[in-house]
Structures are given as C-alpha cells and as structure tokens.
C-alpha cells in the first residue's frame, strides 16, 4: 500500500507539473499586445490626468486638453494659458529617460480656441561599444496645433494636425535615417447640466480619435510601421456638495486602432507565415488598419474586448483651490498587463496651478511604477491682471 501510494503521489506530481507547464505555455502563446512605433505618443503627459488613472477625454477643461480632448478648450474658464509637464520614465533602472511636454491655448471670443503642444521624449545617452565607442542620444518628438469651436452652448468639435519625428536609430549607416510621420486628431465634447435636489451638477462626455495619419518608415527598413492611432471615449460627472466642495468621477476607455500582429499558426511554414505577415500587416495602409483593428484578433471577439483599456478616476476640489485625486488603470494581461493605481494632488492660485501624481503598479510590467509626475500651468489672464495691478501701484 505504501509503495502504491508513493507511486500515486509521484504520478500526481508529474501530472501537476505537466499541467502547469502546459498552462504556462498557453499563457505565453496568448500574450499578444498591439504593437506600434513611437510609443511615447501614448504616455499621458500631465499630472492631473495621471493622478486619476490616466483619464481626461471628458473631465473639466484645462491647459492640457490638447492631448486628451482639444474640443474642451472653448469651455475653459481662462482666456489663455500655458502648461509644462515632466514625467520620468524607467526611473528604477536609469535616471535620464523622461518625457517633457508643453501646451498652450488661446480662446478667440466666446466660442472658439486655437491651441498647440510640443512633446519631447528623451531616451538619455546610449553608449555603443561596437560603433567606435560612440555615445548617442535617441529621442522622439511631436509638435501639433489645432482649432476648436463650439457648435452650440453645450457641444464642440476640434481638429489637430501633428508632425512626428522619431530618431531612435542605432545603425549610423548611409541608409539609416530618422522616421517621420504626419497625423491628425478629431475630437468631440459635450457638456450639459442637470439638477440633483437643489444642486446643479454637470455631465460631460467626449470622444477623441488621435494620430490618424501616415505610417512611419525608418531609413534602412523596407517596411513601414503603424503609429499609435487611438480611440478614446469617456464620460465625467461633477457634483457640488456646497459652495466650497465638489466631487467628480470619470471613466475612459481606450482602444488602439492598429491591426494585431499576426501569430504563426500551428504547422504553418516559416515562409508562408512571413508572406502572410507582409500581406496582412505591413502592406495594410493606416486607414485600412483602423477598420481592420476591430476584427483581426486571432482569438476572436474575446481578444478584441481585451484590447480595450479602462481607466477610472475621481477628483475632490475644495474652494477651487485645493484638489485631491485618485484613479485606477486596467489593461488585459494578454495585451500588456499594465494595471496600476494613481494618487495625486493639486494647488491652484489666481496665476498658476501646481499638480503632482504618483503611480504604484499592481503588476510588474508598468515602467512608471513608483514614479512622480509634475505639472505647472499658468493662467495668462491672471498674470495680466497681476501685472496690471502692480503697474497701477
């Protein structure tokens, strides 16, 4: 009996190990994130949205609406503003990779606005021992400008145009060159009001389809890559408790409008697989790729739904001066597994606003884990009034 029991236990252990190995292999085979070039375009630039789980398509308008939803600018209380933001990247590993962003806007009358932004993503210094001990500084940058207009008292639209430059080459041959692309954003925003008891609450929803444009080609490569065309849709509710306190809650969903990279089928020859990748991925135009992205996941509808990222965020405001924020971002395990909580705070004066955010990840795959983001915004109307009072004195 004892020998039989020992044999039975050994067989169970072998079966368990085999099952675990099979599950691990299946899990690895199911991992299939959507790949794009110029990934820095998908990094949230500002600390306010970063403290609320990376939401911003339907929150109240601010100077950084250029990234989230430029159609919000005509609803901004300020006439004009400028903001700068700084986000460290992979800070646990290196200290010279970061994202710097500057944005600004100017409202024309009461119903329209012009706006622009510049973002610069530095990958620090990279030492190349096999290139005559060369040190390079790869980077990515994007500059954009747009126009937004209210079509009614509660609804607005916006268009952005963007130039993208990606200089991350490590091969300094005659054929190599930086990648360039052009893109556009189309955005919608609606802000309405409703009564809850004796309180006037606001409800907003927004949509932003960003980076609709050309594919990007790096010198020395025969194939062009997709830039991160993205669909962002969300809503936000703001409820004032009294004259000094209000609370808002928002939800954003994101889906990359880029085809899923084909996976090799069981028994498929390498040459056949390479031909299929060329036909179904690299030869697909960026516009065709937008439509293809809704139905090309290898595992069907379930995997398509996993490509949607969800963000939830909340903000408490006291007297329009002090803000506390928190949020959560969720990405499916098979599509990147970026799951993290965010917290932050802000302080607003008549002239400037300071925001800070902190990220702590629940998965070990988030390069922003345990890092701080900072933003500083200037209200140009407030600065003009301040300088005007100073001159009168």
Protein backbone atom coordinates (compact mmCIF):
# COMPACT_ATOMS: atom_id res chain seq x y z
CA UNK A 1 0.00 0.00 0.00
CA UNK A 2 2.80 2.38 0.89
CA UNK A 3 4.60 1.76 -2.40
CA UNK A 4 1.36 2.21 -4.35
CA UNK A 5 0.70 5.46 -2.50
CA UNK A 6 4.18 6.72 -3.26
CA UNK A 7 3.77 5.87 -6.95
CA UNK A 8 0.36 7.56 -6.99
CA UNK A 9 1.80 10.71 -5.42
CA UNK A 10 4.66 10.77 -7.91
CA UNK A 11 2.22 10.39 -10.81
CA UNK A 12 0.08 13.22 -9.44
CA UNK A 13 3.15 15.44 -9.10
CA UNK A 14 4.23 14.68 -12.66
CA UNK A 15 0.72 15.40 -13.91
CA UNK A 16 0.57 18.65 -11.95
CA UNK A 17 3.95 19.78 -13.29
CA UNK A 18 2.92 18.86 -16.83
CA UNK A 19 -0.36 20.74 -16.45
CA UNK A 20 1.46 23.78 -15.05
CA UNK A 21 3.92 23.69 -17.94
CA UNK A 22 1.09 23.45 -20.45
CA UNK A 23 -0.77 26.32 -18.81
CA UNK A 24 2.40 28.41 -18.77
CA UNK A 25 2.97 27.69 -22.46
CA UNK A 26 -0.65 28.52 -23.27
CA UNK A 27 -0.34 31.73 -21.29
CA UNK A 28 2.77 32.67 -23.23
CA UNK A 29 1.08 31.86 -26.53
CA UNK A 30 -1.93 34.00 -25.59
CA UNK A 31 0.23 37.08 -24.85
CA UNK A 32 -0.33 39.23 -27.91
CA UNK A 33 -0.13 43.00 -27.33
CA UNK A 34 -0.88 45.50 -30.08
CA UNK A 35 2.48 46.81 -31.31
CA UNK A 36 3.11 50.35 -32.58
CA UNK A 37 6.05 52.62 -33.23
CA UNK A 38 6.55 56.00 -31.50
CA UNK A 39 5.14 54.55 -28.27
CA UNK A 40 5.94 57.78 -26.42
CA UNK A 41 2.80 59.27 -28.01
CA UNK A 42 0.75 57.03 -25.72
CA UNK A 43 2.30 58.34 -22.49
CA UNK A 44 0.00 60.64 -20.53
CA UNK A 45 1.88 63.97 -20.25
CA UNK A 46 0.26 65.77 -17.30
CA UNK A 47 0.00 65.10 -13.58
CA UNK A 48 -3.69 65.95 -13.20
CA UNK A 49 -4.89 63.21 -15.55
CA UNK A 50 -2.03 60.99 -14.39
CA UNK A 51 -3.35 61.16 -10.83
CA UNK A 52 -6.80 59.99 -11.96
CA UNK A 53 -5.80 56.75 -13.65
CA UNK A 54 -4.98 58.48 -16.97
CA UNK A 55 -8.45 59.85 -17.74
CA UNK A 56 -9.08 63.16 -19.46
CA UNK A 57 -11.33 62.93 -22.51
CA UNK A 58 -14.41 64.23 -20.62
CA UNK A 59 -13.04 65.91 -17.48
CA UNK A 60 -13.28 69.66 -17.00
CA UNK A 61 -11.19 71.65 -19.49
CA UNK A 62 -7.65 72.66 -18.57
CA UNK A 63 -4.47 73.68 -20.34
CA UNK A 64 -3.50 70.05 -21.11
CA UNK A 65 -6.70 69.26 -23.02
CA UNK A 66 -4.63 69.24 -26.22
CA UNK A 67 -3.60 65.64 -25.52
CA UNK A 68 -6.86 64.32 -24.08
CA UNK A 69 -9.58 66.16 -25.98
CA UNK A 70 -8.87 69.53 -27.65
CA UNK A 71 -12.61 70.08 -28.14
CA UNK A 72 -12.77 71.04 -24.44
CA UNK A 73 -10.80 74.26 -24.89
CA UNK A 74 -13.76 76.58 -25.73
CA UNK A 75 -15.27 75.61 -22.34
CA UNK A 76 -12.17 76.73 -20.46
CA UNK A 77 -12.82 79.49 -17.92
CA UNK A 78 -9.46 81.15 -18.59
CA UNK A 79 -8.94 83.15 -21.76
CA UNK A 80 -5.44 81.76 -22.33
CA UNK A 81 -2.94 79.50 -20.62
CA UNK A 82 0.39 77.71 -20.87
CA UNK A 83 1.41 74.49 -19.14
CA UNK A 84 4.56 72.42 -18.78
CA UNK A 85 4.82 68.84 -17.53
CA UNK A 86 7.62 66.43 -16.66
CA UNK A 87 7.36 62.65 -16.44
CA UNK A 88 10.30 60.38 -15.55
CA UNK A 89 10.45 57.00 -17.27
CA UNK A 90 12.01 53.72 -16.10
CA UNK A 91 13.35 55.61 -13.10
CA UNK A 92 14.13 52.34 -11.28
CA UNK A 93 16.66 51.47 -13.98
CA UNK A 94 18.05 54.75 -15.31
CA UNK A 95 17.80 58.43 -14.44
CA UNK A 96 17.99 60.11 -17.85
CA UNK A 97 14.83 58.91 -19.66
CA UNK A 98 11.93 61.33 -19.43
CA UNK A 99 9.02 62.99 -21.20
CA UNK A 100 8.73 66.78 -21.29
CA UNK A 101 5.56 68.40 -22.58
CA UNK A 102 4.45 71.99 -23.18
CA UNK A 103 0.95 73.02 -24.23
CA UNK A 104 -0.97 76.25 -24.59
CA UNK A 105 -4.23 77.70 -25.82
CA UNK A 106 -5.96 80.98 -26.59
CA UNK A 107 -9.73 81.41 -26.73
CA UNK A 108 -10.96 83.53 -29.63
CA UNK A 109 -14.12 85.25 -28.45
CA UNK A 110 -16.51 83.03 -26.54
CA UNK A 111 -16.92 80.12 -28.95
CA UNK A 112 -13.58 79.02 -30.38
CA UNK A 113 -9.93 78.49 -29.49
CA UNK A 114 -6.53 77.80 -31.01
CA UNK A 115 -4.11 75.50 -29.24
CA UNK A 116 -0.75 73.77 -29.66
CA UNK A 117 1.68 71.49 -27.86
CA UNK A 118 5.22 70.19 -28.05
CA UNK A 119 6.37 66.91 -26.51
CA UNK A 120 9.93 65.62 -26.30
CA UNK A 121 10.77 62.09 -25.17
CA UNK A 122 14.45 61.62 -24.36
CA UNK A 123 15.95 58.15 -24.13
CA UNK A 124 19.07 59.51 -22.46
CA UNK A 125 22.58 58.64 -23.52
CA UNK A 126 23.31 55.26 -25.10
CA UNK A 127 26.88 54.02 -25.36
CA UNK A 128 27.68 51.98 -28.48
CA UNK A 129 30.86 49.99 -28.00
CA UNK A 130 30.68 48.46 -31.49
CA UNK A 131 30.42 51.90 -33.16
CA UNK A 132 33.87 53.30 -32.31
CA UNK A 133 32.81 53.97 -28.73
CA UNK A 134 30.09 56.35 -29.88
CA UNK A 135 27.56 57.86 -27.49
CA UNK A 136 24.18 58.73 -29.00
CA UNK A 137 21.06 60.47 -27.66
CA UNK A 138 17.96 58.92 -29.25
CA UNK A 139 14.69 60.80 -28.90
CA UNK A 140 11.13 61.13 -30.14
CA UNK A 141 9.21 64.37 -30.50
CA UNK A 142 5.88 65.64 -31.77
CA UNK A 143 4.57 69.13 -32.42
CA UNK A 144 0.91 69.84 -33.10
CA UNK A 145 -1.56 72.68 -33.46
CA UNK A 146 -5.33 72.76 -33.70
CA UNK A 147 -8.59 74.67 -33.75
CA UNK A 148 -11.74 74.03 -31.73
CA UNK A 149 -15.20 75.59 -31.91
CA UNK A 150 -18.47 75.40 -30.04
CA UNK A 151 -21.32 74.42 -32.36
CA UNK A 152 -23.86 75.07 -29.61
CA UNK A 153 -23.85 76.12 -25.98
CA UNK A 154 -23.13 72.53 -24.94
CA UNK A 155 -21.31 70.89 -27.89
CA UNK A 156 -17.93 71.47 -29.54
CA UNK A 157 -15.57 69.91 -32.09
CA UNK A 158 -11.82 70.17 -32.68
CA UNK A 159 -9.13 69.21 -35.18
CA UNK A 160 -5.39 68.87 -34.53
CA UNK A 161 -2.55 68.47 -37.03
CA UNK A 162 0.67 66.82 -35.87
CA UNK A 163 4.24 66.29 -37.10
CA UNK A 164 6.10 63.32 -35.58
CA UNK A 165 9.85 62.71 -35.57
CA UNK A 166 11.41 59.54 -34.17
CA UNK A 167 15.20 59.42 -34.09
CA UNK A 168 15.92 56.17 -32.28
CA UNK A 169 18.26 54.59 -34.82
CA UNK A 170 21.28 52.71 -33.61
CA UNK A 171 22.68 51.98 -37.07
CA UNK A 172 24.51 55.03 -38.42
CA UNK A 173 24.97 53.87 -41.99
CA UNK A 174 24.28 55.81 -45.15
CA UNK A 175 20.83 54.20 -45.47
CA UNK A 176 19.68 54.95 -41.92
CA UNK A 177 17.55 57.98 -41.09
CA UNK A 178 15.02 59.18 -38.56
CA UNK A 179 11.37 58.28 -39.02
CA UNK A 180 8.84 61.00 -39.87
CA UNK A 181 5.05 60.96 -39.98
CA UNK A 182 2.07 63.29 -40.13
CA UNK A 183 -1.15 62.76 -38.22
CA UNK A 184 -4.43 64.41 -37.24
CA UNK A 185 -6.89 64.24 -34.33
CA UNK A 186 -10.68 64.56 -34.49
CA UNK A 187 -12.42 65.30 -31.19
CA UNK A 188 -15.95 65.89 -29.85
CA UNK A 189 -17.10 67.16 -26.47
CA UNK A 190 -20.47 67.80 -24.88
CA UNK A 191 -21.04 69.42 -21.51
CA UNK A 192 -24.56 69.51 -20.06
CA UNK A 193 -26.17 70.28 -16.71
CA UNK A 194 -28.84 68.64 -14.58
CA UNK A 195 -30.37 69.22 -11.17
CA UNK A 196 -29.87 66.82 -8.25
CA UNK A 197 -32.04 68.21 -5.48
CA UNK A 198 -31.04 71.85 -5.24
CA UNK A 199 -27.58 71.26 -6.72
CA UNK A 200 -26.67 72.00 -10.34
CA UNK A 201 -24.47 69.11 -11.50
CA UNK A 202 -22.62 68.74 -14.78
CA UNK A 203 -22.26 65.74 -17.06
CA UNK A 204 -19.79 65.62 -19.90
CA UNK A 205 -18.83 63.07 -22.49
CA UNK A 206 -16.03 63.17 -25.01
CA UNK A 207 -14.50 61.33 -27.92
CA UNK A 208 -11.04 61.73 -29.41
CA UNK A 209 -9.61 59.76 -32.33
CA UNK A 210 -5.95 60.69 -32.29
CA UNK A 211 -2.94 60.09 -34.55
CA UNK A 212 -4.88 59.36 -37.74
CA UNK A 213 -2.14 59.60 -40.31
CA UNK A 214 0.69 58.10 -42.24
CA UNK A 215 2.74 55.11 -41.22
CA UNK A 216 6.34 55.77 -40.23
CA UNK A 217 9.38 54.42 -42.03
CA UNK A 218 12.89 54.32 -40.64
CA UNK A 219 15.80 54.50 -43.05
CA UNK A 220 17.29 51.13 -43.83
CA UNK A 221 13.96 49.29 -43.48
CA UNK A 222 11.69 48.19 -46.32
CA UNK A 223 8.57 48.11 -44.12
CA UNK A 224 6.69 50.98 -42.53
CA UNK A 225 5.28 50.77 -39.01
CA UNK A 226 1.94 51.88 -37.57
CA UNK A 227 1.84 54.91 -35.29
CA UNK A 228 -0.45 54.63 -32.22
CA UNK A 229 -3.80 55.68 -33.70
CA UNK A 230 -6.14 55.62 -30.71
CA UNK A 231 -9.85 55.81 -29.95
CA UNK A 232 -10.63 57.39 -26.58
CA UNK A 233 -14.20 57.62 -25.28
CA UNK A 234 -15.33 58.65 -21.81
CA UNK A 235 -17.72 60.49 -19.53
CA UNK A 236 -17.45 62.57 -16.36
CA UNK A 237 -19.89 63.71 -13.67
CA UNK A 238 -19.29 66.66 -11.33
CA UNK A 239 -21.43 67.06 -8.20
CA UNK A 240 -21.11 70.13 -5.93
CA UNK A 241 -21.91 69.44 -2.28
CA UNK A 242 -21.99 73.11 -1.33
CA UNK A 243 -20.35 76.40 -2.27
CA UNK A 244 -16.85 75.16 -1.42
CA UNK A 245 -16.79 71.40 -2.05
CA UNK A 246 -17.35 69.38 -5.20
CA UNK A 247 -16.61 65.86 -6.37
CA UNK A 248 -16.17 64.46 -9.88
CA UNK A 249 -15.89 60.92 -11.21
CA UNK A 250 -14.90 59.85 -14.71
CA UNK A 251 -14.43 56.76 -16.87
CA UNK A 252 -12.30 56.48 -20.02
CA UNK A 253 -11.90 53.61 -22.46
CA UNK A 254 -9.07 53.32 -24.99
CA UNK A 255 -8.55 51.12 -27.98
CA UNK A 256 -5.59 51.24 -30.33
CA UNK A 257 -6.86 51.40 -33.92
CA UNK A 258 -3.93 49.36 -35.18
CA UNK A 259 -4.01 45.79 -36.55
CA UNK A 260 -2.86 42.98 -34.30
CA UNK A 261 0.44 41.48 -35.41
CA UNK A 262 -0.34 38.02 -36.90
CA UNK A 263 0.77 34.98 -34.93
CA UNK A 264 2.21 31.90 -36.57
CA UNK A 265 -0.33 29.09 -36.82
CA UNK A 266 0.46 25.57 -35.75
CA UNK A 267 2.09 23.70 -38.62
CA UNK A 268 2.48 26.87 -40.73
CA UNK A 269 5.77 27.02 -42.61
CA UNK A 270 8.06 29.96 -41.85
CA UNK A 271 7.98 31.22 -45.45
CA UNK A 272 4.18 31.10 -45.54
CA UNK A 273 3.99 32.92 -42.23
CA UNK A 274 6.35 35.67 -43.41
CA UNK A 275 4.29 36.13 -46.58
CA UNK A 276 1.09 36.36 -44.53
CA UNK A 277 2.63 38.93 -42.17
CA UNK A 278 3.72 41.02 -45.15
CA UNK A 279 0.27 40.87 -46.75
CA UNK A 280 -1.94 41.17 -43.65
CA UNK A 281 0.17 43.63 -41.68
CA UNK A 282 2.95 45.56 -43.40
CA UNK A 283 1.09 46.05 -46.70
CA UNK A 284 -2.04 47.35 -44.91
CA UNK A 285 -2.47 51.14 -45.07
CA UNK A 286 -3.01 53.15 -41.91
CA UNK A 287 -6.64 53.94 -42.80
CA UNK A 288 -7.41 50.33 -43.69
CA UNK A 289 -5.70 49.31 -40.47
CA UNK A 290 -8.21 51.36 -38.44
CA UNK A 291 -11.11 49.29 -39.74
CA UNK A 292 -9.12 46.06 -39.66
CA UNK A 293 -8.31 46.61 -35.96
CA UNK A 294 -11.92 45.92 -34.93
CA UNK A 295 -11.96 42.32 -36.12
CA UNK A 296 -8.49 40.84 -36.60
CA UNK A 297 -7.67 39.42 -33.16
CA UNK A 298 -6.63 35.76 -33.52
CA UNK A 299 -8.92 34.60 -30.70
CA UNK A 300 -11.99 36.45 -31.91
CA UNK A 301 -14.36 38.71 -30.02
CA UNK A 302 -12.96 37.88 -26.58
CA UNK A 303 -9.49 39.07 -27.54
CA UNK A 304 -10.92 42.16 -29.25
CA UNK A 305 -12.56 43.14 -25.97
CA UNK A 306 -9.25 42.57 -24.17
CA UNK A 307 -7.70 45.25 -26.38
CA UNK A 308 -9.83 47.89 -24.64
CA UNK A 309 -8.09 49.62 -21.73
CA UNK A 310 -10.20 51.05 -18.91
CA UNK A 311 -9.43 53.97 -16.62
CA UNK A 312 -11.38 55.21 -13.60
CA UNK A 313 -10.66 58.44 -11.76
CA UNK A 314 -12.05 60.77 -9.11
CA UNK A 315 -11.26 64.32 -8.03
CA UNK A 316 -12.25 66.24 -4.90
CA UNK A 317 -12.00 70.05 -5.06
CA UNK A 318 -12.13 72.49 -2.17
CA UNK A 319 -12.95 76.11 -2.97
CA UNK A 320 -11.42 75.71 -6.46
CA UNK A 321 -8.03 75.93 -4.74
CA UNK A 322 -7.04 72.51 -3.46
CA UNK A 323 -7.57 69.16 -5.20
CA UNK A 324 -7.16 65.52 -4.19
CA UNK A 325 -7.23 62.82 -6.87
CA UNK A 326 -7.11 59.04 -7.25
CA UNK A 327 -7.63 56.53 -10.04
CA UNK A 328 -7.04 53.10 -11.49
CA UNK A 329 -5.94 51.90 -14.94
CA UNK A 330 -6.60 48.40 -16.26
CA UNK A 331 -5.11 46.63 -19.26
CA UNK A 332 -5.74 42.94 -20.01
CA UNK A 333 -2.94 40.58 -19.04
CA UNK A 334 -2.56 39.31 -22.60
CA UNK A 335 -2.33 42.84 -24.03
CA UNK A 336 0.41 44.31 -21.85
CA UNK A 337 -0.84 43.82 -18.27
CA UNK A 338 -0.46 47.44 -17.20
CA UNK A 339 -2.53 47.62 -14.03
CA UNK A 340 -1.86 50.44 -11.60
CA UNK A 341 -3.35 52.80 -9.02
CA UNK A 342 -2.65 56.51 -9.05
CA UNK A 343 -2.95 59.29 -6.47
CA UNK A 344 -2.17 62.97 -6.57
CA UNK A 345 -2.93 66.50 -5.50
CA UNK A 346 -3.09 69.99 -6.93
CA UNK A 347 -2.99 73.57 -5.73
CA UNK A 348 -4.48 76.46 -7.70
CA UNK A 349 -3.83 80.18 -7.31
CA UNK A 350 -5.06 83.02 -9.48
CA UNK A 351 -1.92 82.88 -11.62
CA UNK A 352 -0.66 79.30 -11.56
CA UNK A 353 -1.60 75.70 -10.78
CA UNK A 354 0.76 73.01 -9.49
CA UNK A 355 -0.11 69.32 -9.83
CA UNK A 356 1.70 66.16 -8.77
CA UNK A 357 0.88 62.48 -9.28
CA UNK A 358 2.26 59.19 -8.04
CA UNK A 359 1.87 55.76 -9.65
CA UNK A 360 2.09 52.39 -7.94
CA UNK A 361 1.57 49.30 -10.03
CA UNK A 362 -0.27 46.10 -9.16
CA UNK A 363 1.61 44.26 -11.92
CA UNK A 364 5.34 44.14 -12.54
CA UNK A 365 5.10 45.45 -16.10
CA UNK A 366 4.50 49.17 -15.66
CA UNK A 367 7.59 51.33 -16.34
CA UNK A 368 6.00 54.21 -14.40
CA UNK A 369 5.77 52.21 -11.16
CA UNK A 370 6.68 54.28 -8.09
CA UNK A 371 7.41 57.45 -10.02
CA UNK A 372 6.21 61.02 -9.70
CA UNK A 373 4.79 63.30 -12.38
CA UNK A 374 4.74 67.08 -12.16
CA UNK A 375 2.79 69.77 -14.00
CA UNK A 376 2.78 73.54 -13.79
CA UNK A 377 0.15 75.68 -15.52
CA UNK A 378 -0.06 79.46 -15.89
CA UNK A 379 -3.27 81.41 -16.34
CA UNK A 380 -2.27 84.25 -18.66
CA UNK A 381 -5.39 86.23 -17.72
CA UNK A 382 -4.38 86.06 -14.07
CA UNK A 383 -0.81 87.10 -14.89
CA UNK A 384 -2.04 90.07 -16.92
CA UNK A 385 -4.30 91.22 -14.08
CA UNK A 386 -1.47 90.75 -11.57
CA UNK A 387 0.98 92.80 -13.63
CA UNK A 388 -1.70 95.40 -14.28
CA UNK A 389 -2.28 95.88 -10.55
CA UNK A 390 1.47 96.07 -9.99
CA UNK A 391 1.84 98.84 -12.62
CA UNK A 392 -1.04 100.83 -11.12
CA UNK A 393 0.68 100.76 -7.78
